[in-house]
C-alpha atoms as a PDB file:
ATOM      1  CA  MET A   1       7.336  25.795  -1.892  1.00  0.00           C
ATOM      2  CA  LYS A   2       9.549  28.533  -3.334  1.00  0.00           C
ATOM      3  CA  ASP A   3      12.707  30.060  -1.899  1.00  0.00           C
ATOM      4  CA  ARG A   4      13.153  27.531   0.887  1.00  0.00           C
ATOM      5  CA  THR A   5      15.895  28.301   3.365  1.00  0.00           C
ATOM      6  CA  ASP A   6      15.785  24.971   5.201  1.00  0.00           C
ATOM      7  CA  ASP A   7      17.430  21.611   4.397  1.00  0.00           C
ATOM      8  CA  PHE A   8      14.562  20.142   2.388  1.00  0.00           C
ATOM      9  CA  ASP A   9      16.674  19.576  -0.738  1.00  0.00           C
ATOM     10  CA  ILE A  10      19.437  17.872   1.256  1.00  0.00           C
ATOM     11  CA  ILE A  11      17.040  15.451   2.951  1.00  0.00           C
ATOM     12  CA  ARG A  12      15.145  14.757  -0.265  1.00  0.00           C
ATOM     13  CA  GLU A  13      18.337  13.943  -2.152  1.00  0.00           C
ATOM     14  CA  MET A  14      19.602  11.628   0.605  1.00  0.00           C
ATOM     15  CA  LEU A  15      16.248   9.819   0.697  1.00  0.00           C
ATOM     16  CA  ASN A  16      16.251   9.500  -3.079  1.00  0.00           C
ATOM     17  CA  GLN A  17      19.763   8.043  -3.105  1.00  0.00           C
ATOM     18  CA  LYS A  18      18.836   5.461  -0.451  1.00  0.00           C
ATOM     19  CA  THR A  19      15.395   4.453  -1.684  1.00  0.00           C
ATOM     20  CA  GLY A  20      14.730   5.844  -5.149  1.00  0.00           C
ATOM     21  CA  VAL A  21      11.801   7.774  -3.642  1.00  0.00           C
ATOM     22  CA  SER A  22      12.000  11.545  -3.767  1.00  0.00           C
ATOM     23  CA  ASP A  23       8.467  12.636  -2.839  1.00  0.00           C
ATOM     24  CA  LEU A  24       9.467  14.161   0.497  1.00  0.00           C
ATOM     25  CA  PRO A  25       6.598  16.316   1.809  1.00  0.00           C
ATOM     26  CA  GLN A  26       7.152  20.035   1.379  1.00  0.00           C
ATOM     27  CA  ASP A  27       4.750  20.742   4.245  1.00  0.00           C
ATOM     28  CA  TYR A  28       7.444  20.598   6.949  1.00  0.00           C
ATOM     29  CA  ASN A  29      10.458  22.737   7.693  1.00  0.00           C
ATOM     30  CA  TYR A  30      13.584  20.532   7.871  1.00  0.00           C
ATOM     31  CA  LYS A  31      16.782  21.348   9.746  1.00  0.00           C
ATOM     32  CA  PHE A  32      19.595  18.812   9.516  1.00  0.00           C
ATOM     33  CA  GLU A  33      22.392  19.210  12.076  1.00  0.00           C
ATOM     34  CA  LYS A  34      25.045  17.084  10.404  1.00  0.00           C
ATOM     35  CA  GLN A  35      27.571  17.074  13.236  1.00  0.00           C
ATOM     36  CA  LYS A  36      24.971  16.041  15.812  1.00  0.00           C
ATOM     37  CA  LYS A  37      23.230  13.698  13.352  1.00  0.00           C
ATOM     38  CA  THR A  38      19.944  15.344  14.330  1.00  0.00           C
ATOM     39  CA  LEU A  39      16.973  16.129  12.124  1.00  0.00           C
ATOM     40  CA  VAL A  40      14.389  18.682  13.247  1.00  0.00           C
ATOM     41  CA  ILE A  41      10.975  18.383  11.587  1.00  0.00           C
ATOM     42  CA  LYS A  42       8.693  21.357  12.155  1.00  0.00           C
ATOM     43  CA  LEU A  43       4.956  21.121  11.491  1.00  0.00           C
ATOM     44  CA  SER A  44       3.127  24.084  10.032  1.00  0.00           C
ATOM     45  CA  GLU A  45      -0.113  25.407  11.480  1.00  0.00           C
ATOM     46  CA  LYS A  46      -1.858  23.936   8.437  1.00  0.00           C
ATOM     47  CA  GLY A  47      -0.308  20.542   9.174  1.00  0.00           C
ATOM     48  CA  LEU A  48      -1.460  20.634  12.791  1.00  0.00           C
ATOM     49  CA  LYS A  49      -5.040  21.037  11.595  1.00  0.00           C
ATOM     50  CA  ALA A  50      -4.878  18.471   8.769  1.00  0.00           C
ATOM     51  CA  ASN A  51      -6.135  14.896   8.634  1.00  0.00           C
ATOM     52  CA  MET A  52      -3.660  12.536  10.329  1.00  0.00           C
ATOM     53  CA  GLN A  53      -3.028  10.558   7.159  1.00  0.00           C
ATOM     54  CA  ASP A  54      -2.106  13.687   5.158  1.00  0.00           C
ATOM     55  CA  ASN A  55       1.613  14.156   4.592  1.00  0.00           C
ATOM     56  CA  GLY A  56       1.684  17.507   6.345  1.00  0.00           C
ATOM     57  CA  SER A  57       0.221  16.039   9.544  1.00  0.00           C
ATOM     58  CA  ALA A  58       1.680  12.508   9.609  1.00  0.00           C
ATOM     59  CA  PHE A  59       4.869  13.463  11.455  1.00  0.00           C
ATOM     60  CA  GLU A  60       5.232  10.014  13.069  1.00  0.00           C
ATOM     61  CA  SER A  61       5.275   8.339   9.657  1.00  0.00           C
ATOM     62  CA  TRP A  62       7.892  10.659   8.175  1.00  0.00           C
ATOM     63  CA  ALA A  63      10.061  10.709  11.293  1.00  0.00           C
ATOM     64  CA  ILE A  64      10.136   6.887  11.210  1.00  0.00           C
ATOM     65  CA  ILE A  65      10.829   6.781   7.463  1.00  0.00           C
ATOM     66  CA  LEU A  66      13.720   9.248   7.627  1.00  0.00           C
ATOM     67  CA  LYS A  67      15.237   7.758  10.777  1.00  0.00           C
ATOM     68  CA  PHE A  68      15.091   4.236   9.311  1.00  0.00           C
ATOM     69  CA  TYR A  69      16.288   4.854   5.779  1.00  0.00           C
ATOM     70  CA  LEU A  70      18.855   7.527   6.724  1.00  0.00           C
ATOM     71  CA  SER A  71      20.092   5.871   9.922  1.00  0.00           C
ATOM     72  CA  ASP A  72      23.725   6.306   8.893  1.00  0.00           C
ATOM     73  CA  VAL A  73      23.390  10.107   9.082  1.00  0.00           C
ATOM     74  CA  ILE A  74      20.399  10.623  11.426  1.00  0.00           C
ATOM     75  CA  THR A  75      20.614   9.450  15.040  1.00  0.00           C
ATOM     76  CA  THR A  76      17.839  11.541  16.577  1.00  0.00           C
ATOM     77  CA  VAL A  77      14.686  13.222  15.287  1.00  0.00           C
ATOM     78  CA  THR A  78      13.190  16.252  17.024  1.00  0.00           C
ATOM     79  CA  ILE A  79       9.611  17.352  16.411  1.00  0.00           C
ATOM     80  CA  ASP A  80       8.774  21.064  16.474  1.00  0.00           C
ATOM     81  CA  TRP A  81       5.615  22.951  15.553  1.00  0.00           C
ATOM     82  CA  GLU A  82       4.376  26.403  14.667  1.00  0.00           C
ATOM     83  CA  ASP A  83       2.320  28.278  17.213  1.00  0.00           C
ATOM     84  CA  LEU A  84      -1.393  28.157  16.463  1.00  0.00           C
ATOM     85  CA  HIS A  85      -3.595  31.174  16.002  1.00  0.00           C
ATOM     86  CA  TYR A  86      -6.575  29.926  17.937  1.00  0.00           C
ATOM     87  CA  ASP A  87     -10.113  30.044  16.637  1.00  0.00           C
ATOM     88  CA  ASP A  88     -13.106  27.773  17.155  1.00  0.00           C
ATOM     89  CA  GLY A  89     -12.007  24.166  17.216  1.00  0.00           C
ATOM     90  CA  VAL A  90      -8.299  24.718  16.625  1.00  0.00           C
ATOM     91  CA  ASN A  91      -7.427  23.769  20.191  1.00  0.00           C
ATOM     92  CA  LEU A  92      -8.961  20.343  19.492  1.00  0.00           C
ATOM     93  CA  HIS A  93      -6.508  19.819  16.632  1.00  0.00           C
ATOM     94  CA  PHE A  94      -3.652  20.866  18.907  1.00  0.00           C
ATOM     95  CA  ASN A  95      -4.841  18.546  21.690  1.00  0.00           C
ATOM     96  CA  ARG A  96      -4.804  15.637  19.240  1.00  0.00           C
ATOM     97  CA  PHE A  97      -1.261  16.588  18.224  1.00  0.00           C
ATOM     98  CA  VAL A  98      -0.183  16.797  21.894  1.00  0.00           C
ATOM     99  CA  TYR A  99      -1.551  13.313  22.555  1.00  0.00           C
ATOM    100  CA  ARG A 100       0.152  11.880  19.459  1.00  0.00           C
ATOM    101  CA  LEU A 101       3.504  13.537  20.159  1.00  0.00           C
ATOM    102  CA  THR A 102       3.485  12.492  23.819  1.00  0.00           C
ATOM    103  CA  LYS A 103       2.951   8.855  22.840  1.00  0.00           C
ATOM    104  CA  PHE A 104       5.531   9.054  20.066  1.00  0.00           C
ATOM    105  CA  ILE A 105       8.406  10.277  22.215  1.00  0.00           C
ATOM    106  CA  GLN A 106       7.423   7.820  24.954  1.00  0.00           C
ATOM    107  CA  THR A 107       7.690   5.042  22.384  1.00  0.00           C
ATOM    108  CA  TYR A 108      11.006   5.888  20.702  1.00  0.00           C
ATOM    109  CA  GLU A 109      14.130   6.918  22.558  1.00  0.00           C
ATOM    110  CA  TRP A 110      15.526   8.481  19.371  1.00  0.00           C
ATOM    111  CA  ALA A 111      12.585  10.930  19.193  1.00  0.00           C
ATOM    112  CA  SER A 112      12.177  14.140  21.174  1.00  0.00           C
ATOM    113  CA  ALA A 113      10.138  17.351  21.296  1.00  0.00           C
ATOM    114  CA  ALA A 114      11.727  20.718  20.579  1.00  0.00           C
ATOM    115  CA  ARG A 115       9.973  22.276  23.563  1.00  0.00           C
ATOM    116  CA  PRO A 116       7.867  21.228  26.543  1.00  0.00           C
ATOM    117  CA  ILE A 117       4.690  19.378  25.633  1.00  0.00           C
ATOM    118  CA  PRO A 118       1.526  20.480  27.460  1.00  0.00           C
ATOM    119  CA  PRO A 119       0.199  17.756  29.786  1.00  0.00           C
ATOM    120  CA  THR A 120      -2.868  15.724  28.898  1.00  0.00           C
ATOM    121  CA  PRO A 121      -5.857  15.871  31.285  1.00  0.00           C
ATOM    122  CA  SER A 122      -6.041  13.359  34.109  1.00  0.00           C
ATOM    123  CA  VAL A 123      -9.582  12.278  33.199  1.00  0.00           C
ATOM    124  CA  LEU A 124     -10.414  11.467  29.591  1.00  0.00           C
ATOM    125  CA  VAL A 125     -13.331   9.350  28.419  1.00  0.00           C
ATOM    126  CA  CYS A 126     -14.174   7.603  25.157  1.00  0.00           C
ATOM    127  CA  ASN A 127     -17.506   7.445  23.394  1.00  0.00           C
ATOM    128  CA  PHE A 128     -19.194   4.233  22.263  1.00  0.00           C
ATOM    129  CA  PRO A 129     -21.586   3.086  19.525  1.00  0.00           C
ATOM    130  CA  ILE A 130     -25.253   3.936  19.900  1.00  0.00           C
ATOM    131  CA  GLY A 131     -26.291   1.767  16.951  1.00  0.00           C
ATOM    132  CA  GLY A 132     -24.984  -0.677  14.386  1.00  0.00           C
ATOM    133  CA  ALA A 133     -22.594   0.189  11.556  1.00  0.00           C
ATOM    134  CA  ALA A 134     -23.806   0.632   7.976  1.00  0.00           C
ATOM    135  CA  LYS A 135     -23.956  -2.562   5.903  1.00  0.00           C
ATOM    136  CA  TYR A 136     -22.039  -3.029   2.654  1.00  0.00           C
ATOM    137  CA  ASP A 137     -25.092  -2.212   0.503  1.00  0.00           C
ATOM    138  CA  LYS A 138     -25.044   1.300   1.952  1.00  0.00           C
ATOM    139  CA  HIS A 139     -21.586   1.909   0.429  1.00  0.00           C
ATOM    140  CA  SER A 140     -20.418   2.290  -3.158  1.00  0.00           C
ATOM    141  CA  GLU A 141     -18.931  -0.943  -4.461  1.00  0.00           C
ATOM    142  CA  GLY A 142     -15.147  -0.883  -4.139  1.00  0.00           C
ATOM    143  CA  SER A 143     -15.103   1.957  -1.596  1.00  0.00           C
ATOM    144  CA  GLU A 144     -13.234   1.539   1.675  1.00  0.00           C
ATOM    145  CA  GLY A 145     -16.542   1.225   3.515  1.00  0.00           C
ATOM    146  CA  TRP A 146     -17.677  -1.515   1.116  1.00  0.00           C
ATOM    147  CA  ILE A 147     -14.352  -3.402   1.415  1.00  0.00           C
ATOM    148  CA  GLU A 148     -14.519  -3.059   5.196  1.00  0.00           C
ATOM    149  CA  CYS A 149     -17.977  -4.637   5.391  1.00  0.00           C
ATOM    150  CA  LYS A 150     -17.044  -7.440   3.005  1.00  0.00           C
ATOM    151  CA  TYR A 151     -13.846  -8.195   4.966  1.00  0.00           C
ATOM    152  CA  VAL A 152     -15.730  -8.472   8.259  1.00  0.00           C
ATOM    153  CA  GLU A 153     -18.380 -10.628   6.625  1.00  0.00           C
ATOM    154  CA  LYS A 154     -15.730 -13.037   5.303  1.00  0.00           C
ATOM    155  CA  TYR A 155     -13.399 -13.293   8.305  1.00  0.00           C
ATOM    156  CA  ARG A 156     -15.567 -12.692  11.382  1.00  0.00           C
ATOM    157  CA  TYR A 157     -15.707 -16.407  12.242  1.00  0.00           C
ATOM    158  CA  ASP A 158     -11.898 -16.573  12.418  1.00  0.00           C
ATOM    159  CA  TYR A 159     -12.125 -14.525  15.635  1.00  0.00           C
ATOM    160  CA  GLU A 160     -14.085 -14.653  18.869  1.00  0.00           C
ATOM    161  CA  VAL A 161     -15.525 -11.286  17.905  1.00  0.00           C
ATOM    162  CA  MET A 162     -14.956  -9.067  14.867  1.00  0.00           C
ATOM    163  CA  ASP A 163     -16.734  -5.850  13.957  1.00  0.00           C
ATOM    164  CA  HIS A 164     -16.159  -2.450  12.427  1.00  0.00           C
ATOM    165  CA  GLN A 165     -16.520   1.296  12.938  1.00  0.00           C
ATOM    166  CA  LEU A 166     -15.690   1.340  16.655  1.00  0.00           C
ATOM    167  CA  PRO A 167     -15.990   4.956  17.922  1.00  0.00           C
ATOM    168  CA  VAL A 168     -12.871   6.436  19.524  1.00  0.00           C
ATOM    169  CA  GLY A 169     -13.827  10.045  20.180  1.00  0.00           C
ATOM    170  CA  ILE A 170     -12.053  11.447  23.248  1.00  0.00           C
ATOM    171  CA  PHE A 171     -13.692  13.847  25.706  1.00  0.00           C
ATOM    172  CA  TYR A 172     -13.035  15.664  28.983  1.00  0.00           C
ATOM    173  CA  ASN A 173     -14.716  14.013  31.987  1.00  0.00           C
ATOM    174  CA  LYS A 174     -17.890  13.032  30.101  1.00  0.00           C
ATOM    175  CA  VAL A 175     -19.144  12.511  26.557  1.00  0.00           C
ATOM    176  CA  SER A 176     -21.083  15.537  25.365  1.00  0.00           C
ATOM    177  CA  ARG A 177     -21.205  18.093  22.572  1.00  0.00           C
ATOM    178  CA  ASP A 178     -19.297  20.591  24.705  1.00  0.00           C
ATOM    179  CA  THR A 179     -16.546  18.372  26.162  1.00  0.00           C
ATOM    180  CA  HIS A 180     -14.512  17.267  23.145  1.00  0.00           C
ATOM    181  CA  TYR A 181     -10.804  16.877  23.882  1.00  0.00           C
ATOM    182  CA  THR A 182      -9.807  16.134  20.276  1.00  0.00           C
ATOM    183  CA  THR A 183     -11.411  16.538  16.883  1.00  0.00           C
ATOM    184  CA  GLY A 184     -13.410  13.768  15.336  1.00  0.00           C
ATOM    185  CA  GLN A 185     -16.761  13.157  16.949  1.00  0.00           C
ATOM    186  CA  LYS A 186     -17.135  10.418  14.339  1.00  0.00           C
ATOM    187  CA  SER A 187     -13.585   9.030  14.679  1.00  0.00           C
ATOM    188  CA  ALA A 188     -13.744   5.267  14.467  1.00  0.00           C
ATOM    189  CA  ILE A 189     -11.474   2.261  14.039  1.00  0.00           C
ATOM    190  CA  ASP A 190     -12.126   0.612  10.675  1.00  0.00           C
ATOM    191  CA  ILE A 191     -12.111  -3.013  11.855  1.00  0.00           C
ATOM    192  CA  TRP A 192     -11.285  -4.633  15.173  1.00  0.00           C
ATOM    193  CA  ALA A 193     -11.313  -8.180  16.536  1.00  0.00           C
ATOM    194  CA  ILE A 194     -10.435 -10.290  19.582  1.00  0.00           C
ATOM    195  CA  ARG A 195      -8.892 -13.763  19.563  1.00  0.00           C
ATOM    196  CA  ASN A 196      -7.001 -15.632  22.286  1.00  0.00           C
ATOM    197  CA  GLN A 197      -6.613 -12.563  24.552  1.00  0.00           C
ATOM    198  CA  GLU A 198      -5.280 -10.528  21.619  1.00  0.00           C
ATOM    199  CA  LEU A 199      -6.932  -7.365  20.319  1.00  0.00           C
ATOM    200  CA  PHE A 200      -6.553  -6.726  16.585  1.00  0.00           C
ATOM    201  CA  ILE A 201      -6.886  -3.195  15.213  1.00  0.00           C
ATOM    202  CA  PHE A 202      -7.099  -2.964  11.418  1.00  0.00           C
ATOM    203  CA  GLU A 203      -6.540   0.260   9.490  1.00  0.00           C
ATOM    204  CA  LEU A 204      -7.939  -0.400   6.013  1.00  0.00           C
ATOM    205  CA  LYS A 205      -6.851   1.357   2.837  1.00  0.00           C
ATOM    206  CA  LYS A 206      -8.207   0.612  -0.614  1.00  0.00           C
ATOM    207  CA  PRO A 207      -5.597  -0.251  -3.295  1.00  0.00           C
ATOM    208  CA  ASN A 208      -5.181   3.259  -4.726  1.00  0.00           C
ATOM    209  CA  ASN A 209      -4.786   4.914  -1.308  1.00  0.00           C
ATOM    210  CA  LYS A 210      -1.091   4.240  -0.691  1.00  0.00           C
ATOM    211  CA  VAL A 211      -0.390   6.871   1.959  1.00  0.00           C
ATOM    212  CA  LEU A 212       2.449   6.747   4.464  1.00  0.00           C
ATOM    213  CA  GLY A 213       0.110   8.426   6.922  1.00  0.00           C
ATOM    214  CA  VAL A 214      -1.512   5.040   7.548  1.00  0.00           C
ATOM    215  CA  ILE A 215       1.262   4.532  10.133  1.00  0.00           C
ATOM    216  CA  SER A 216       0.333   7.706  12.018  1.00  0.00           C
ATOM    217  CA  GLU A 217      -3.371   6.925  11.899  1.00  0.00           C
ATOM    218  CA  LEU A 218      -2.886   3.369  13.131  1.00  0.00           C
ATOM    219  CA  MET A 219      -0.576   4.527  15.938  1.00  0.00           C
ATOM    220  CA  PHE A 220      -3.164   7.033  17.131  1.00  0.00           C
ATOM    221  CA  TYR A 221      -5.960   4.471  17.329  1.00  0.00           C
ATOM    222  CA  THR A 222      -3.680   1.854  18.867  1.00  0.00           C
ATOM    223  CA  ASN A 223      -2.554   4.227  21.608  1.00  0.00           C
ATOM    224  CA  ILE A 224      -6.151   5.140  22.403  1.00  0.00           C
ATOM    225  CA  LEU A 225      -7.169   1.485  22.700  1.00  0.00           C
ATOM    226  CA  GLN A 226      -4.118   0.705  24.831  1.00  0.00           C
ATOM    227  CA  ASP A 227      -5.001   3.618  27.126  1.00  0.00           C
ATOM    228  CA  ILE A 228      -8.594   2.384  27.317  1.00  0.00           C
ATOM    229  CA  LEU A 229      -7.546  -1.145  28.230  1.00  0.00           C
ATOM    230  CA  SER A 230      -5.194   0.340  30.856  1.00  0.00           C
ATOM    231  CA  HIS A 231      -8.050   2.575  32.143  1.00  0.00           C
ATOM    232  CA  ARG A 232      -6.071   5.756  31.518  1.00  0.00           C
ATOM    233  CA  ILE A 233      -8.915   6.622  29.160  1.00  0.00           C
ATOM    234  CA  GLN A 234     -12.205   5.445  30.602  1.00  0.00           C
ATOM    235  CA  TYR A 235     -15.652   4.324  29.595  1.00  0.00           C
ATOM    236  CA  GLN A 236     -18.319   5.890  31.789  1.00  0.00           C
ATOM    237  CA  TYR A 237     -21.212   3.532  32.359  1.00  0.00           C
ATOM    238  CA  ASP A 238     -24.701   4.991  31.979  1.00  0.00           C
ATOM    239  CA  THR A 239     -28.098   3.935  30.636  1.00  0.00           C
ATOM    240  CA  LYS A 240     -27.080   4.587  26.994  1.00  0.00           C
ATOM    241  CA  MET A 241     -24.008   2.431  27.456  1.00  0.00           C
ATOM    242  CA  GLN A 242     -26.126  -0.285  29.038  1.00  0.00           C
ATOM    243  CA  VAL A 243     -28.223  -0.345  25.853  1.00  0.00           C
ATOM    244  CA  ALA A 244     -25.076  -0.510  23.695  1.00  0.00           C
ATOM    245  CA  ILE A 245     -23.741  -3.422  25.753  1.00  0.00           C
ATOM    246  CA  GLU A 246     -27.021  -5.333  25.839  1.00  0.00           C
ATOM    247  CA  ASN A 247     -27.477  -4.966  22.064  1.00  0.00           C
ATOM    248  CA  ASN A 248     -23.760  -5.518  21.447  1.00  0.00           C
ATOM    249  CA  PHE A 249     -23.705  -2.641  18.966  1.00  0.00           C
ATOM    250  CA  ARG A 250     -20.646  -3.121  16.696  1.00  0.00           C
ATOM    251  CA  GLY A 251     -19.379  -5.745  19.156  1.00  0.00           C
ATOM    252  CA  PHE A 252     -19.085  -3.163  21.933  1.00  0.00           C
ATOM    253  CA  GLY A 253     -20.524  -5.448  24.583  1.00  0.00           C
ATOM    254  CA  ASP A 254     -17.700  -7.927  23.980  1.00  0.00           C
ATOM    255  CA  LEU A 255     -15.093  -5.201  24.066  1.00  0.00           C
ATOM    256  CA  TYR A 256     -16.533  -3.668  27.235  1.00  0.00           C
ATOM    257  CA  ARG A 257     -16.408  -7.004  29.035  1.00  0.00           C
ATOM    258  CA  SER A 258     -12.735  -7.316  28.069  1.00  0.00           C
ATOM    259  CA  TYR A 259     -12.159  -3.744  29.272  1.00  0.00           C
ATOM    260  CA  ILE A 260     -13.692  -4.585  32.658  1.00  0.00           C
ATOM    261  CA  SER A 261     -12.029  -7.979  33.072  1.00  0.00           C
ATOM    262  CA  GLY A 262      -8.592  -6.939  31.796  1.00  0.00           C
ATOM    263  CA  ASN A 263      -8.144 -10.207  29.923  1.00  0.00           C
ATOM    264  CA  ILE A 264      -6.624  -8.735  26.736  1.00  0.00           C
ATOM    265  CA  GLN A 265      -2.874  -9.277  26.898  1.00  0.00           C
ATOM    266  CA  ASN A 266      -1.662  -8.179  23.435  1.00  0.00           C
ATOM    267  CA  ILE A 267      -2.508  -5.662  20.729  1.00  0.00           C
ATOM    268  CA  ASN A 268      -1.806  -6.390  17.065  1.00  0.00           C
ATOM    269  CA  ALA A 269      -2.132  -3.225  14.955  1.00  0.00           C
ATOM    270  CA  VAL A 270      -2.533  -4.167  11.294  1.00  0.00           C
ATOM    271  CA  ILE A 271      -2.160  -2.179   8.079  1.00  0.00           C
ATOM    272  CA  LEU A 272      -4.775  -3.837   5.869  1.00  0.00           C
ATOM    273  CA  SER A 273      -4.365  -3.193   2.145  1.00  0.00           C
ATOM    274  CA  GLN A 274      -3.649  -4.778  -1.218  1.00  0.00           C
ATOM    275  CA  ASN A 275      -1.055  -2.097  -1.951  1.00  0.00           C
ATOM    276  CA  VAL A 276       1.008  -0.005   0.436  1.00  0.00           C
ATOM    277  CA  HIS A 277       3.447   2.835  -0.090  1.00  0.00           C
ATOM    278  CA  PRO A 278       6.752   1.468  -1.474  1.00  0.00           C
ATOM    279  CA  LEU A 279       8.612   2.675   1.621  1.00  0.00           C
ATOM    280  CA  ILE A 280       6.472   0.488   3.929  1.00  0.00           C
ATOM    281  CA  GLN A 281       8.465  -2.736   3.944  1.00  0.00           C
ATOM    282  CA  PRO A 282       8.637  -5.612   6.479  1.00  0.00           C
ATOM    283  CA  SER A 283      12.033  -4.305   7.604  1.00  0.00           C
ATOM    284  CA  LEU A 284      10.471  -0.906   8.315  1.00  0.00           C
ATOM    285  CA  LEU A 285       7.833  -2.523  10.533  1.00  0.00           C
ATOM    286  CA  ASP A 286      10.585  -4.410  12.355  1.00  0.00           C
ATOM    287  CA  PHE A 287      12.068  -0.986  13.103  1.00  0.00           C
ATOM    288  CA  VAL A 288       8.676   0.374  14.170  1.00  0.00           C
ATOM    289  CA  ASN A 289       8.359  -2.530  16.627  1.00  0.00           C
ATOM    290  CA  ASP A 290      11.848  -1.978  18.041  1.00  0.00           C
ATOM    291  CA  SER A 291      10.666  -0.118  21.136  1.00  0.00           C
ATOM    292  CA  ALA A 292      10.884  -0.909  24.835  1.00  0.00           C
ATOM    293  CA  ARG A 293       7.449   0.651  25.399  1.00  0.00           C
ATOM    294  CA  LEU A 294       5.806  -1.439  22.690  1.00  0.00           C
ATOM    295  CA  LYS A 295       7.346  -4.600  24.090  1.00  0.00           C
ATOM    296  CA  TYR A 296       6.226  -3.689  27.621  1.00  0.00           C
ATOM    297  CA  CYS A 297       2.691  -2.895  26.418  1.00  0.00           C
ATOM    298  CA  ARG A 298       2.712  -5.978  24.179  1.00  0.00           C
ATOM    299  CA  ILE A 299       1.901  -3.967  21.063  1.00  0.00           C
ATOM    300  CA  LYS A 300       3.120  -4.923  17.621  1.00  0.00           C
ATOM    301  CA  TYR A 301       2.524  -3.479  14.163  1.00  0.00           C
ATOM    302  CA  SER A 302       2.077  -5.677  11.111  1.00  0.00           C
ATOM    303  CA  MET A 303       0.720  -5.774   7.541  1.00  0.00           C
ATOM    304  CA  LYS A 304      -1.873  -7.967   5.924  1.00  0.00           C
ATOM    305  CA  GLN A 305      -3.205  -8.271   2.378  1.00  0.00           C
ATOM    306  CA  VAL A 306      -6.891  -7.702   1.761  1.00  0.00           C
ATOM    307  CA  GLU A 307      -8.326 -10.870   0.235  1.00  0.00           C
ATOM    308  CA  LEU A 308     -12.072 -10.940  -0.405  1.00  0.00           C
END
């Protein structure tokens, strides 16, 4: 980005001095208020529409990184955003951003929004699988889908239930083509499992996909599952769901019974990879977990190596 007038160079140099990493995303506008020890990160319209794991969209990841590694000069982080020029589907991107930002500032007292956040609807529902997930022989060897299938095949007996590709599309009032609340009709959690009243959510990345946005993506899915288990986001029982439960498509029958009974007490959200971004360290995850809301909701974030 040419002729920047913000504080990008200042933040990049401070990050480089602390960590040796200087690949600060140019997608945001950065304003550093030195006296107040406040950093304002402003998303572009392009970033609001991008995939959550892309640098320009993964505001949670970069806010956490900069707050943690530059804690001596940054006390608070404020998230701002460009106004959207609406066209078909853009409001769905914005709704996803609103949900993510609401959860983020609820989770961290050092985070805030630059302006009022629109409220989320009182009734949201989640979709569910209507068939099984593709087997490993339907994926290219070494792809994330292939690794995912192989991982479930190897470790499923370590859990009471383990499966993959759990749909997490969010809708207004009912699941239909016309009632999407967020993008991603095919949004799905890579791998999930239950053991000893603990729900595990795995976000899988293959070795060469070392993105910081894995934090943002995992937070989004974790918040949706926590809202489902708390019945803030609902499953609406109908004949299609009855079929999914009876056939236990992708383990959904087991999950639905836990949803109804309320017997899941903890959520363990796991970054699953052989290689992660060099800034994702155990100490960073300790910082991520340092939240009154996460402790109250019994959510923790962790890392695990893929071993097949």
